[in-house]
PDB file of N, CA and C in Angstrom:
ATOM      1  N   MET A   1      38.495  30.364 173.231  1.00  0.00           N
ATOM      2  CA  MET A   1      38.155  30.536 174.319  1.00  0.00           C
ATOM      3  C   MET A   1      36.342  31.441 174.369  1.00  0.00           C
ATOM      4  N   LYS A   2      35.956  31.714 173.430  1.00  0.00           N
ATOM      5  CA  LYS A   2      34.996  32.145 173.897  1.00  0.00           C
ATOM      6  C   LYS A   2      33.554  31.280 173.897  1.00  0.00           C
ATOM      7  N   LYS A   3      34.193  30.031 173.783  1.00  0.00           N
ATOM      8  CA  LYS A   3      33.183  29.144 173.107  1.00  0.00           C
ATOM      9  C   LYS A   3      32.915  28.468 174.997  1.00  0.00           C
ATOM     10  N   ILE A   4      34.600  28.254 175.385  1.00  0.00           N
ATOM     11  CA  ILE A   4      34.468  27.893 177.201  1.00  0.00           C
ATOM     12  C   ILE A   4      33.453  28.762 178.033  1.00  0.00           C
ATOM     13  N   LEU A   5      33.930  30.296 177.334  1.00  0.00           N
ATOM     14  CA  LEU A   5      33.166  31.069 178.383  1.00  0.00           C
ATOM     15  C   LEU A   5      31.671  30.982 178.399  1.00  0.00           C
ATOM     16  N   SER A   6      30.941  31.088 176.990  1.00  0.00           N
ATOM     17  CA  SER A   6      29.886  31.429 176.244  1.00  0.00           C
ATOM     18  C   SER A   6      28.841  29.793 176.958  1.00  0.00           C
ATOM     19  N   LEU A   7      29.670  29.109 177.328  1.00  0.00           N
ATOM     20  CA  LEU A   7      28.257  27.534 177.462  1.00  0.00           C
ATOM     21  C   LEU A   7      28.260  27.175 178.922  1.00  0.00           C
ATOM     22  N   PRO A   8      28.841  28.507 179.489  1.00  0.00           N
ATOM     23  CA  PRO A   8      27.906  27.975 181.071  1.00  0.00           C
ATOM     24  C   PRO A   8      27.000  28.835 181.047  1.00  0.00           C
ATOM     25  N   LEU A   9      26.791  30.069 180.418  1.00  0.00           N
ATOM     26  CA  LEU A   9      26.196  31.254 180.570  1.00  0.00           C
ATOM     27  C   LEU A   9      25.057  30.628 179.746  1.00  0.00           C
ATOM     28  N   LEU A  10      24.948  29.264 178.959  1.00  0.00           N
ATOM     29  CA  LEU A  10      23.940  29.436 178.212  1.00  0.00           C
ATOM     30  C   LEU A  10      22.904  28.591 179.090  1.00  0.00           C
ATOM     31  N   ALA A  11      23.460  28.319 180.376  1.00  0.00           N
ATOM     32  CA  ALA A  11      22.620  27.732 181.384  1.00  0.00           C
ATOM     33  C   ALA A  11      21.482  28.739 182.638  1.00  0.00           C
ATOM     34  N   PHE A  12      22.402  29.878 182.226  1.00  0.00           N
ATOM     35  CA  PHE A  12      20.891  31.054 182.861  1.00  0.00           C
ATOM     36  C   PHE A  12      20.483  31.570 182.143  1.00  0.00           C
ATOM     37  N   ILE A  13      19.901  30.839 180.321  1.00  0.00           N
ATOM     38  CA  ILE A  13      19.376  31.937 180.192  1.00  0.00           C
ATOM     39  C   ILE A  13      17.450  31.245 180.367  1.00  0.00           C
ATOM     40  N   PRO A  14      17.140  30.189 180.760  1.00  0.00           N
ATOM     41  CA  PRO A  14      15.505  29.761 181.451  1.00  0.00           C
ATOM     42  C   PRO A  14      15.931  30.936 182.625  1.00  0.00           C
ATOM     43  N   ALA A  15      16.493  30.847 183.571  1.00  0.00           N
ATOM     44  CA  ALA A  15      16.191  32.351 184.623  1.00  0.00           C
ATOM     45  C   ALA A  15      16.692  33.661 183.917  1.00  0.00           C
ATOM     46  N   VAL A  16      16.662  34.409 182.973  1.00  0.00           N
ATOM     47  CA  VAL A  16      16.561  35.217 182.044  1.00  0.00           C
ATOM     48  C   VAL A  16      15.555  35.647 181.495  1.00  0.00           C
ATOM     49  N   ALA A  17      15.020  33.951 180.735  1.00  0.00           N
ATOM     50  CA  ALA A  17      13.720  34.345 180.050  1.00  0.00           C
ATOM     51  C   ALA A  17      12.046  34.573 181.584  1.00  0.00           C
ATOM     52  N   PHE A  18      12.526  34.156 182.802  1.00  0.00           N
ATOM     53  CA  PHE A  18      11.476  33.800 183.573  1.00  0.00           C
ATOM     54  C   PHE A  18      12.284  34.716 184.671  1.00  0.00           C
ATOM     55  N   ALA A  19      12.635  35.688 184.199  1.00  0.00           N
ATOM     56  CA  ALA A  19      12.815  37.137 185.623  1.00  0.00           C
ATOM     57  C   ALA A  19      11.676  37.572 186.168  1.00  0.00           C
ATOM     58  N   GLN A  20      10.867  37.160 185.352  1.00  0.00           N
ATOM     59  CA  GLN A  20       9.861  38.245 186.529  1.00  0.00           C
ATOM     60  C   GLN A  20       8.400  37.125 187.412  1.00  0.00           C
ATOM     61  N   THR A  21       9.633  36.364 188.763  1.00  0.00           N
ATOM     62  CA  THR A  21       8.237  35.739 189.089  1.00  0.00           C
ATOM     63  C   THR A  21       7.479  36.092 190.106  1.00  0.00           C
ATOM     64  N   ALA A  22       6.167  36.184 189.663  1.00  0.00           N
ATOM     65  CA  ALA A  22       5.294  37.538 190.491  1.00  0.00           C
ATOM     66  C   ALA A  22       5.342  36.822 192.302  1.00  0.00           C
ATOM     67  N   GLY A  23       5.458  37.663 193.198  1.00  0.00           N
ATOM     68  CA  GLY A  23       5.994  38.319 193.978  1.00  0.00           C
ATOM     69  C   GLY A  23       7.006  37.384 194.784  1.00  0.00           C
ATOM     70  N   THR A  24       7.780  37.083 194.266  1.00  0.00           N
ATOM     71  CA  THR A  24       8.997  36.549 194.710  1.00  0.00           C
ATOM     72  C   THR A  24      10.755  37.767 194.595  1.00  0.00           C
ATOM     73  N   THR A  25      10.543  37.962 196.020  1.00  0.00           N
ATOM     74  CA  THR A  25      12.021  38.588 196.115  1.00  0.00           C
ATOM     75  C   THR A  25      13.339  38.404 196.424  1.00  0.00           C
ATOM     76  N   GLY A  26      14.387  38.584 196.278  1.00  0.00           N
ATOM     77  CA  GLY A  26      15.632  38.106 197.554  1.00  0.00           C
ATOM     78  C   GLY A  26      15.843  36.923 197.570  1.00  0.00           C
ATOM     79  N   LEU A  27      16.144  36.067 197.890  1.00  0.00           N
ATOM     80  CA  LEU A  27      16.772  35.093 198.977  1.00  0.00           C
ATOM     81  C   LEU A  27      15.978  34.426 198.025  1.00  0.00           C
ATOM     82  N   ALA A  28      14.242  34.600 198.161  1.00  0.00           N
ATOM     83  CA  ALA A  28      13.109  33.332 198.109  1.00  0.00           C
ATOM     84  C   ALA A  28      13.125  33.473 196.530  1.00  0.00           C
ATOM     85  N   TYR A  29      13.376  34.657 195.468  1.00  0.00           N
ATOM     86  CA  TYR A  29      14.034  34.501 194.319  1.00  0.00           C
ATOM     87  C   TYR A  29      15.359  33.543 193.582  1.00  0.00           C
ATOM     88  N   LEU A  30      16.074  34.091 194.405  1.00  0.00           N
ATOM     89  CA  LEU A  30      17.630  33.172 194.448  1.00  0.00           C
ATOM     90  C   LEU A  30      16.854  31.461 194.289  1.00  0.00           C
ATOM     91  N   VAL A  31      16.764  31.184 195.359  1.00  0.00           N
ATOM     92  CA  VAL A  31      16.929  29.924 196.181  1.00  0.00           C
ATOM     93  C   VAL A  31      16.249  29.630 194.549  1.00  0.00           C
ATOM     94  N   ILE A  32      15.039  30.658 194.186  1.00  0.00           N
ATOM     95  CA  ILE A  32      13.929  29.162 193.405  1.00  0.00           C
ATOM     96  C   ILE A  32      14.731  29.018 192.018  1.00  0.00           C
ATOM     97  N   GLN A  33      16.014  30.337 191.517  1.00  0.00           N
ATOM     98  CA  GLN A  33      16.142  30.264 190.350  1.00  0.00           C
ATOM     99  C   GLN A  33      17.505  29.118 190.102  1.00  0.00           C
ATOM    100  N   ILE A  34      18.030  29.138 191.811  1.00  0.00           N
ATOM    101  CA  ILE A  34      19.174  27.956 192.327  1.00  0.00           C
ATOM    102  C   ILE A  34      18.589  25.951 191.988  1.00  0.00           C
ATOM    103  N   LYS A  35      17.935  26.550 192.711  1.00  0.00           N
ATOM    104  CA  LYS A  35      16.655  25.457 192.337  1.00  0.00           C
ATOM    105  C   LYS A  35      16.025  24.548 191.093  1.00  0.00           C
ATOM    106  N   GLY A  36      15.866  26.083 190.279  1.00  0.00           N
ATOM    107  CA  GLY A  36      15.528  25.527 189.067  1.00  0.00           C
ATOM    108  C   GLY A  36      16.860  25.106 187.914  1.00  0.00           C
ATOM    109  N   LEU A  37      17.551  25.469 187.866  1.00  0.00           N
ATOM    110  CA  LEU A  37      18.973  25.202 187.661  1.00  0.00           C
ATOM    111  C   LEU A  37      19.184  23.645 188.117  1.00  0.00           C
ATOM    112  N   LEU A  38      19.081  23.675 189.406  1.00  0.00           N
ATOM    113  CA  LEU A  38      19.926  22.125 189.894  1.00  0.00           C
ATOM    114  C   LEU A  38      19.238  21.363 189.528  1.00  0.00           C
ATOM    115  N   SER A  39      18.073  21.577 189.568  1.00  0.00           N
ATOM    116  CA  SER A  39      17.197  20.654 189.116  1.00  0.00           C
ATOM    117  C   SER A  39      16.801  20.070 187.481  1.00  0.00           C
ATOM    118  N   ALA A  40      16.969  20.752 186.572  1.00  0.00           N
ATOM    119  CA  ALA A  40      17.275  20.311 185.515  1.00  0.00           C
ATOM    120  C   ALA A  40      19.162  19.537 185.193  1.00  0.00           C
ATOM    121  N   LEU A  41      20.073  20.022 185.749  1.00  0.00           N
ATOM    122  CA  LEU A  41      21.387  19.322 186.008  1.00  0.00           C
ATOM    123  C   LEU A  41      21.882  18.672 186.826  1.00  0.00           C
ATOM    124  N   PHE A  42      21.099  18.342 187.819  1.00  0.00           N
ATOM    125  CA  PHE A  42      20.907  16.579 188.787  1.00  0.00           C
ATOM    126  C   PHE A  42      21.346  15.909 188.032  1.00  0.00           C
ATOM    127  N   PRO A  43      19.845  15.341 186.955  1.00  0.00           N
ATOM    128  CA  PRO A  43      19.874  14.712 187.133  1.00  0.00           C
ATOM    129  C   PRO A  43      21.228  13.977 186.054  1.00  0.00           C
ATOM    130  N   ILE A  44      21.627  15.367 184.999  1.00  0.00           N
ATOM    131  CA  ILE A  44      22.725  14.529 184.591  1.00  0.00           C
ATOM    132  C   ILE A  44      24.252  14.334 185.390  1.00  0.00           C
ATOM    133  N   ALA A  45      24.204  15.374 186.042  1.00  0.00           N
ATOM    134  CA  ALA A  45      25.567  15.421 187.043  1.00  0.00           C
ATOM    135  C   ALA A  45      25.557  13.774 187.969  1.00  0.00           C
ATOM    136  N   ILE A  46      24.444  13.500 188.543  1.00  0.00           N
ATOM    137  CA  ILE A  46      24.998  11.791 188.655  1.00  0.00           C
ATOM    138  C   ILE A  46      25.154  10.896 188.138  1.00  0.00           C
ATOM    139  N   ALA A  47      24.545  11.206 186.837  1.00  0.00           N
ATOM    140  CA  ALA A  47      25.144   9.961 186.138  1.00  0.00           C
ATOM    141  C   ALA A  47      26.345  10.238 185.109  1.00  0.00           C
ATOM    142  N   ILE A  48      26.768  11.262 185.610  1.00  0.00           N
ATOM    143  CA  ILE A  48      28.592  11.626 185.205  1.00  0.00           C
ATOM    144  C   ILE A  48      28.805  11.081 186.659  1.00  0.00           C
ATOM    145  N   GLY A  49      28.258  11.001 187.729  1.00  0.00           N
ATOM    146  CA  GLY A  49      29.484  10.565 188.798  1.00  0.00           C
ATOM    147  C   GLY A  49      29.239   9.083 188.915  1.00  0.00           C
ATOM    148  N   VAL A  50      28.495   8.598 188.571  1.00  0.00           N
ATOM    149  CA  VAL A  50      28.025   7.369 188.939  1.00  0.00           C
ATOM    150  C   VAL A  50      28.512   5.987 187.746  1.00  0.00           C
ATOM    151  N   LEU A  51      29.457   6.934 186.227  1.00  0.00           N
ATOM    152  CA  LEU A  51      29.689   6.884 185.384  1.00  0.00           C
ATOM    153  C   LEU A  51      31.302   7.007 185.491  1.00  0.00           C
ATOM    154  N   ALA A  52      32.259   7.797 186.890  1.00  0.00           N
ATOM    155  CA  ALA A  52      33.072   7.917 186.355  1.00  0.00           C
ATOM    156  C   ALA A  52      33.407   6.458 187.892  1.00  0.00           C
ATOM    157  N   PHE A  53      32.398   6.478 188.737  1.00  0.00           N
ATOM    158  CA  PHE A  53      32.472   5.461 189.571  1.00  0.00           C
ATOM    159  C   PHE A  53      32.934   3.927 189.187  1.00  0.00           C
ATOM    160  N   PHE A  54      31.746   3.644 187.935  1.00  0.00           N
ATOM    161  CA  PHE A  54      31.991   2.209 187.755  1.00  0.00           C
ATOM    162  C   PHE A  54      33.135   2.476 186.054  1.00  0.00           C
ATOM    163  N   TYR A  55      33.908   2.848 185.794  1.00  0.00           N
ATOM    164  CA  TYR A  55      35.292   3.375 185.216  1.00  0.00           C
ATOM    165  C   TYR A  55      36.300   3.741 185.923  1.00  0.00           C
ATOM    166  N   GLU A  56      36.335   4.310 187.789  1.00  0.00           N
ATOM    167  CA  GLU A  56      37.547   3.744 188.749  1.00  0.00           C
ATOM    168  C   GLU A  56      37.082   2.523 188.635  1.00  0.00           C
ATOM    169  N   LEU A  57      36.337   1.962 189.295  1.00  0.00           N
ATOM    170  CA  LEU A  57      35.897   0.684 189.575  1.00  0.00           C
ATOM    171  C   LEU A  57      36.272  -0.343 188.788  1.00  0.00           C
ATOM    172  N   ILE A  58      36.411  -0.509 187.475  1.00  0.00           N
ATOM    173  CA  ILE A  58      36.476  -1.111 186.250  1.00  0.00           C
ATOM    174  C   ILE A  58      37.871  -0.883 186.522  1.00  0.00           C
ATOM    175  N   MET A  59      38.885  -0.220 186.312  1.00  0.00           N
ATOM    176  CA  MET A  59      40.190   0.198 185.877  1.00  0.00           C
ATOM    177  C   MET A  59      40.967  -0.265 187.517  1.00  0.00           C
ATOM    178  N   PHE A  60      40.282   0.087 188.444  1.00  0.00           N
ATOM    179  CA  PHE A  60      41.164  -0.775 188.921  1.00  0.00           C
ATOM    180  C   PHE A  60      40.752  -2.647 189.421  1.00  0.00           C
ATOM    181  N   ILE A  61      39.755  -2.624 188.624  1.00  0.00           N
ATOM    182  CA  ILE A  61      39.848  -4.512 188.650  1.00  0.00           C
ATOM    183  C   ILE A  61      40.844  -4.910 188.065  1.00  0.00           C
ATOM    184  N   VAL A  62      40.403  -3.866 186.771  1.00  0.00           N
ATOM    185  CA  VAL A  62      41.620  -4.910 185.452  1.00  0.00           C
ATOM    186  C   VAL A  62      42.988  -4.543 185.887  1.00  0.00           C
ATOM    187  N   HIS A  63      43.386  -3.584 186.539  1.00  0.00           N
ATOM    188  CA  HIS A  63      45.104  -2.905 187.160  1.00  0.00           C
ATOM    189  C   HIS A  63      44.807  -3.620 188.331  1.00  0.00           C
ATOM    190  N   LYS A  64      44.966  -4.324 188.587  1.00  0.00           N
ATOM    191  CA  LYS A  64      45.180  -4.704 190.143  1.00  0.00           C
ATOM    192  C   LYS A  64      46.430  -4.694 191.239  1.00  0.00           C
ATOM    193  N   SER A  65      47.031  -5.181 189.869  1.00  0.00           N
ATOM    194  CA  SER A  65      48.562  -5.750 190.088  1.00  0.00           C
ATOM    195  C   SER A  65      49.646  -4.867 189.555  1.00  0.00           C
ATOM    196  N   ASP A  66      49.324  -3.926 189.145  1.00  0.00           N
ATOM    197  CA  ASP A  66      49.829  -3.069 189.295  1.00  0.00           C
ATOM    198  C   ASP A  66      50.201  -2.199 189.800  1.00  0.00           C
ATOM    199  N   ASP A  67      50.678  -0.929 189.516  1.00  0.00           N
ATOM    200  CA  ASP A  67      51.267   0.241 189.782  1.00  0.00           C
ATOM    201  C   ASP A  67      50.443   1.317 190.276  1.00  0.00           C
ATOM    202  N   LYS A  68      49.260   1.025 189.134  1.00  0.00           N
ATOM    203  CA  LYS A  68      47.824   2.248 189.043  1.00  0.00           C
ATOM    204  C   LYS A  68      47.342   2.051 190.392  1.00  0.00           C
ATOM    205  N   ALA A  69      46.587   0.753 190.662  1.00  0.00           N
ATOM    206  CA  ALA A  69      45.141   0.875 191.569  1.00  0.00           C
ATOM    207  C   ALA A  69      45.492   1.871 192.504  1.00  0.00           C
ATOM    208  N   GLU A  70      46.297   2.639 192.964  1.00  0.00           N
ATOM    209  CA  GLU A  70      46.090   2.895 194.507  1.00  0.00           C
ATOM    210  C   GLU A  70      45.495   4.367 193.464  1.00  0.00           C
ATOM    211  N   GLN A  71      45.998   4.430 192.555  1.00  0.00           N
ATOM    212  CA  GLN A  71      45.425   5.775 191.705  1.00  0.00           C
ATOM    213  C   GLN A  71      44.131   5.418 191.347  1.00  0.00           C
ATOM    214  N   PHE A  72      43.783   4.496 190.758  1.00  0.00           N
ATOM    215  CA  PHE A  72      42.352   3.808 190.653  1.00  0.00           C
ATOM    216  C   PHE A  72      41.163   4.521 192.240  1.00  0.00           C
ATOM    217  N   LYS A  73      41.892   3.499 192.996  1.00  0.00           N
ATOM    218  CA  LYS A  73      41.497   3.625 194.757  1.00  0.00           C
ATOM    219  C   LYS A  73      40.828   4.906 194.880  1.00  0.00           C
ATOM    220  N   LYS A  74      41.359   6.521 194.698  1.00  0.00           N
ATOM    221  CA  LYS A  74      41.812   7.056 194.953  1.00  0.00           C
ATOM    222  C   LYS A  74      40.701   7.279 193.950  1.00  0.00           C
ATOM    223  N   GLY A  75      40.730   7.258 192.818  1.00  0.00           N
ATOM    224  CA  GLY A  75      39.595   7.466 192.093  1.00  0.00           C
ATOM    225  C   GLY A  75      38.359   7.190 192.298  1.00  0.00           C
ATOM    226  N   ILE A  76      38.292   6.292 193.057  1.00  0.00           N
ATOM    227  CA  ILE A  76      36.803   6.209 193.636  1.00  0.00           C
ATOM    228  C   ILE A  76      36.290   6.054 194.815  1.00  0.00           C
ATOM    229  N   LEU A  77      36.822   6.846 195.222  1.00  0.00           N
ATOM    230  CA  LEU A  77      37.083   7.736 196.212  1.00  0.00           C
ATOM    231  C   LEU A  77      36.492   9.231 195.814  1.00  0.00           C
ATOM    232  N   PHE A  78      37.010   9.427 195.645  1.00  0.00           N
ATOM    233  CA  PHE A  78      36.533  10.893 194.970  1.00  0.00           C
ATOM    234  C   PHE A  78      34.941  11.128 194.707  1.00  0.00           C
ATOM    235  N   SER A  79      34.987   9.690 193.512  1.00  0.00           N
ATOM    236  CA  SER A  79      33.429  10.170 192.826  1.00  0.00           C
ATOM    237  C   SER A  79      32.779   9.788 193.709  1.00  0.00           C
ATOM    238  N   LEU A  80      33.001   8.631 194.963  1.00  0.00           N
ATOM    239  CA  LEU A  80      31.701   8.681 196.069  1.00  0.00           C
ATOM    240  C   LEU A  80      31.223  10.011 196.489  1.00  0.00           C
ATOM    241  N   LEU A  81      32.873   9.855 196.675  1.00  0.00           N
ATOM    242  CA  LEU A  81      32.682  11.304 197.325  1.00  0.00           C
ATOM    243  C   LEU A  81      31.543  12.645 196.943  1.00  0.00           C
ATOM    244  N   ALA A  82      32.099  12.847 195.682  1.00  0.00           N
ATOM    245  CA  ALA A  82      31.908  13.482 195.257  1.00  0.00           C
ATOM    246  C   ALA A  82      29.553  13.252 194.213  1.00  0.00           C
ATOM    247  N   LEU A  83      29.638  12.388 194.655  1.00  0.00           N
ATOM    248  CA  LEU A  83      28.020  11.920 194.973  1.00  0.00           C
ATOM    249  C   LEU A  83      26.950  12.337 196.196  1.00  0.00           C
ATOM    250  N   PHE A  84      28.207  11.475 197.247  1.00  0.00           N
ATOM    251  CA  PHE A  84      27.770  12.391 198.243  1.00  0.00           C
ATOM    252  C   PHE A  84      27.544  13.474 198.713  1.00  0.00           C
ATOM    253  N   LEU A  85      28.614  14.121 197.778  1.00  0.00           N
ATOM    254  CA  LEU A  85      28.154  16.072 197.835  1.00  0.00           C
ATOM    255  C   LEU A  85      27.389  16.526 197.108  1.00  0.00           C
ATOM    256  N   MET A  86      27.144  15.946 196.228  1.00  0.00           N
ATOM    257  CA  MET A  86      25.808  16.268 195.636  1.00  0.00           C
ATOM    258  C   MET A  86      24.572  15.856 196.108  1.00  0.00           C
ATOM    259  N   PHE A  87      24.271  14.591 196.719  1.00  0.00           N
ATOM    260  CA  PHE A  87      23.294  14.627 196.955  1.00  0.00           C
ATOM    261  C   PHE A  87      22.877  15.404 198.146  1.00  0.00           C
ATOM    262  N   THR A  88      24.246  15.225 199.309  1.00  0.00           N
ATOM    263  CA  THR A  88      23.499  16.606 200.020  1.00  0.00           C
ATOM    264  C   THR A  88      23.141  18.527 200.001  1.00  0.00           C
ATOM    265  N   PHE A  89      24.292  18.687 199.492  1.00  0.00           N
ATOM    266  CA  PHE A  89      23.813  20.130 198.462  1.00  0.00           C
ATOM    267  C   PHE A  89      22.722  20.108 198.491  1.00  0.00           C
ATOM    268  N   PHE A  90      22.589  19.532 197.353  1.00  0.00           N
ATOM    269  CA  PHE A  90      20.711  19.515 197.015  1.00  0.00           C
ATOM    270  C   PHE A  90      19.391  19.075 197.250  1.00  0.00           C
ATOM    271  N   GLY A  91      19.432  18.254 198.605  1.00  0.00           N
ATOM    272  CA  GLY A  91      19.152  18.168 199.800  1.00  0.00           C
ATOM    273  C   GLY A  91      18.704  18.932 200.389  1.00  0.00           C
ATOM    274  N   LEU A  92      20.482  19.803 201.051  1.00  0.00           N
ATOM    275  CA  LEU A  92      20.101  20.843 201.934  1.00  0.00           C
ATOM    276  C   LEU A  92      19.156  22.205 201.156  1.00  0.00           C
ATOM    277  N   LEU A  93      19.552  21.737 199.809  1.00  0.00           N
ATOM    278  CA  LEU A  93      18.734  22.998 199.055  1.00  0.00           C
ATOM    279  C   LEU A  93      17.061  22.826 198.874  1.00  0.00           C
ATOM    280  N   ASN A  94      16.478  21.840 198.959  1.00  0.00           N
ATOM    281  CA  ASN A  94      15.349  21.522 198.630  1.00  0.00           C
ATOM    282  C   ASN A  94      14.852  22.387 200.371  1.00  0.00           C
ATOM    283  N   VAL A  95      15.554  21.516 201.234  1.00  0.00           N
ATOM    284  CA  VAL A  95      15.446  22.044 202.682  1.00  0.00           C
ATOM    285  C   VAL A  95      14.854  23.195 202.472  1.00  0.00           C
ATOM    286  N   ILE A  96      16.038  23.945 202.389  1.00  0.00           N
ATOM    287  CA  ILE A  96      15.656  25.783 202.693  1.00  0.00           C
ATOM    288  C   ILE A  96      14.355  25.536 201.074  1.00  0.00           C
ATOM    289  N   ALA A  97      14.844  25.305 201.027  1.00  0.00           N
ATOM    290  CA  ALA A  97      13.341  25.944 199.876  1.00  0.00           C
ATOM    291  C   ALA A  97      12.029  25.441 200.374  1.00  0.00           C
ATOM    292  N   ASN A  98      12.092  24.183 200.982  1.00  0.00           N
ATOM    293  CA  ASN A  98      10.373  23.989 202.002  1.00  0.00           C
ATOM    294  C   ASN A  98      10.616  24.945 203.105  1.00  0.00           C
ATOM    295  N   THR A  99      11.829  25.137 204.078  1.00  0.00           N
ATOM    296  CA  THR A  99      11.316  26.368 204.355  1.00  0.00           C
ATOM    297  C   THR A  99      11.372  27.822 204.392  1.00  0.00           C
ATOM    298  N   LEU A 100      10.766  27.771 203.094  1.00  0.00           N
ATOM    299  CA  LEU A 100      10.805  29.402 202.931  1.00  0.00           C
ATOM    300  C   LEU A 100       9.550  29.375 202.232  1.00  0.00           C
ATOM    301  N   GLY A 101       8.716  28.132 201.967  1.00  0.00           N
ATOM    302  CA  GLY A 101       7.560  27.562 201.656  1.00  0.00           C
ATOM    303  C   GLY A 101       7.711  27.777 200.224  1.00  0.00           C
ATOM    304  N   LEU A 102       8.757  27.486 199.351  1.00  0.00           N
ATOM    305  CA  LEU A 102       9.089  27.516 197.561  1.00  0.00           C
ATOM    306  C   LEU A 102       8.629  26.284 197.112  1.00  0.00           C
ATOM    307  N   GLN A 103       8.103  24.958 197.649  1.00  0.00           N
ATOM    308  CA  GLN A 103       8.266  23.591 197.400  1.00  0.00           C
ATOM    309  C   GLN A 103       7.636  23.343 196.278  1.00  0.00           C
ATOM    310  N   GLY A 104       6.756  24.001 195.555  1.00  0.00           N
ATOM    311  CA  GLY A 104       5.873  23.782 194.654  1.00  0.00           C
ATOM    312  C   GLY A 104       6.670  25.026 193.316  1.00  0.00           C
ATOM    313  N   ALA A 105       7.262  25.843 194.084  1.00  0.00           N
ATOM    314  CA  ALA A 105       8.256  26.943 193.022  1.00  0.00           C
ATOM    315  C   ALA A 105       8.632  26.697 191.797  1.00  0.00           C
ATOM    316  N   VAL A 106       9.709  25.790 192.073  1.00  0.00           N
ATOM    317  CA  VAL A 106      10.586  25.149 190.492  1.00  0.00           C
ATOM    318  C   VAL A 106      10.835  23.692 190.640  1.00  0.00           C
ATOM    319  N   GLY A 107      10.767  22.963 189.257  1.00  0.00           N
ATOM    320  CA  GLY A 107      11.232  21.536 189.259  1.00  0.00           C
ATOM    321  C   GLY A 107      10.344  20.476 189.996  1.00  0.00           C
ATOM    322  N   ALA A 108       8.858  20.553 190.279  1.00  0.00           N
ATOM    323  CA  ALA A 108       8.322  20.142 191.212  1.00  0.00           C
ATOM    324  C   ALA A 108       7.609  19.024 190.667  1.00  0.00           C
ATOM    325  N   GLY A 109       7.496  19.281 189.285  1.00  0.00           N
ATOM    326  CA  GLY A 109       6.439  18.639 188.103  1.00  0.00           C
ATOM    327  C   GLY A 109       4.903  19.790 188.266  1.00  0.00           C
ATOM    328  N   VAL A 110       4.897  18.387 187.130  1.00  0.00           N
ATOM    329  CA  VAL A 110       3.010  19.129 186.734  1.00  0.00           C
ATOM    330  C   VAL A 110       2.202  17.946 188.006  1.00  0.00           C
ATOM    331  N   GLY A 111       1.487  18.777 188.732  1.00  0.00           N
ATOM    332  CA  GLY A 111       0.608  18.104 189.299  1.00  0.00           C
ATOM    333  C   GLY A 111      -0.347  16.739 188.601  1.00  0.00           C
ATOM    334  N   ALA A 112      -1.422  15.749 188.382  1.00  0.00           N
ATOM    335  CA  ALA A 112      -2.593  15.221 187.829  1.00  0.00           C
ATOM    336  C   ALA A 112      -3.579  16.072 187.518  1.00  0.00           C
ATOM    337  N   ASN A 113      -3.909  17.389 188.764  1.00  0.00           N
ATOM    338  CA  ASN A 113      -5.444  18.050 188.050  1.00  0.00           C
ATOM    339  C   ASN A 113      -4.274  19.471 186.997  1.00  0.00           C
ATOM    340  N   GLN A 114      -2.727  19.088 186.706  1.00  0.00           N
ATOM    341  CA  GLN A 114      -2.814  20.468 185.970  1.00  0.00           C
ATOM    342  C   GLN A 114      -2.459  19.762 184.312  1.00  0.00           C
ATOM    343  N   ILE A 115      -2.328  18.875 184.584  1.00  0.00           N
ATOM    344  CA  ILE A 115      -2.144  18.165 182.565  1.00  0.00           C
ATOM    345  C   ILE A 115      -3.431  18.699 181.181  1.00  0.00           C
ATOM    346  N   PRO A 116      -3.236  18.994 180.799  1.00  0.00           N
ATOM    347  CA  PRO A 116      -4.649  19.721 179.780  1.00  0.00           C
ATOM    348  C   PRO A 116      -4.851  18.481 179.180  1.00  0.00           C
ATOM    349  N   SER A 117      -6.289  18.112 179.045  1.00  0.00           N
ATOM    350  CA  SER A 117      -6.835  17.006 178.741  1.00  0.00           C
ATOM    351  C   SER A 117      -7.667  18.082 177.486  1.00  0.00           C
ATOM    352  N   VAL A 118      -8.081  16.343 176.404  1.00  0.00           N
ATOM    353  CA  VAL A 118      -9.590  17.005 175.328  1.00  0.00           C
ATOM    354  C   VAL A 118     -10.365  16.750 175.190  1.00  0.00           C
ATOM    355  N   GLN A 119     -11.482  16.983 175.325  1.00  0.00           N
ATOM    356  CA  GLN A 119     -12.434  16.070 175.838  1.00  0.00           C
ATOM    357  C   GLN A 119     -13.556  15.934 173.929  1.00  0.00           C
ATOM    358  N   LEU A 120     -13.588  14.149 174.126  1.00  0.00           N
ATOM    359  CA  LEU A 120     -13.756  13.803 172.601  1.00  0.00           C
ATOM    360  C   LEU A 120     -15.305  13.778 172.691  1.00  0.00           C
TER     361      LEU A 120
END
C-alpha cells in the first residue's frame, strides 16, 4: 500500500526541487507547475490512450460475432472520449498559460540560441 501511495508523490519531486521560480506567485506559479507536470506526462498518457483504442478495436474485430462485441464498442468509445478530454484539457491549460503570459515558463523547449556550443 505504501508503494501505491508513494508513486504519485514522485511526480511532484521536480516541483519541489524548482520551488523558487523567480517572479511568479499564486495562480501563475500553480499554472507553471501543472503545465510542467503535464508536459512530462502528456506523451505517455496519449500513448496509453492510443494503445487502448487499438486494443479495443482489434478485440472488437476478433469478437465481432460474439456477445462481447458491445463491450468492446463501449471500450472504443471511452478510449476516444479519453483522448479527446486529454487534448482538450492540455489545450485549455496552454490557453490559460498563454493568457497569463507564461508561454515560455515550462515545457516550451529549448530555443536554437540557447543550445551551448564549443568553439574549436
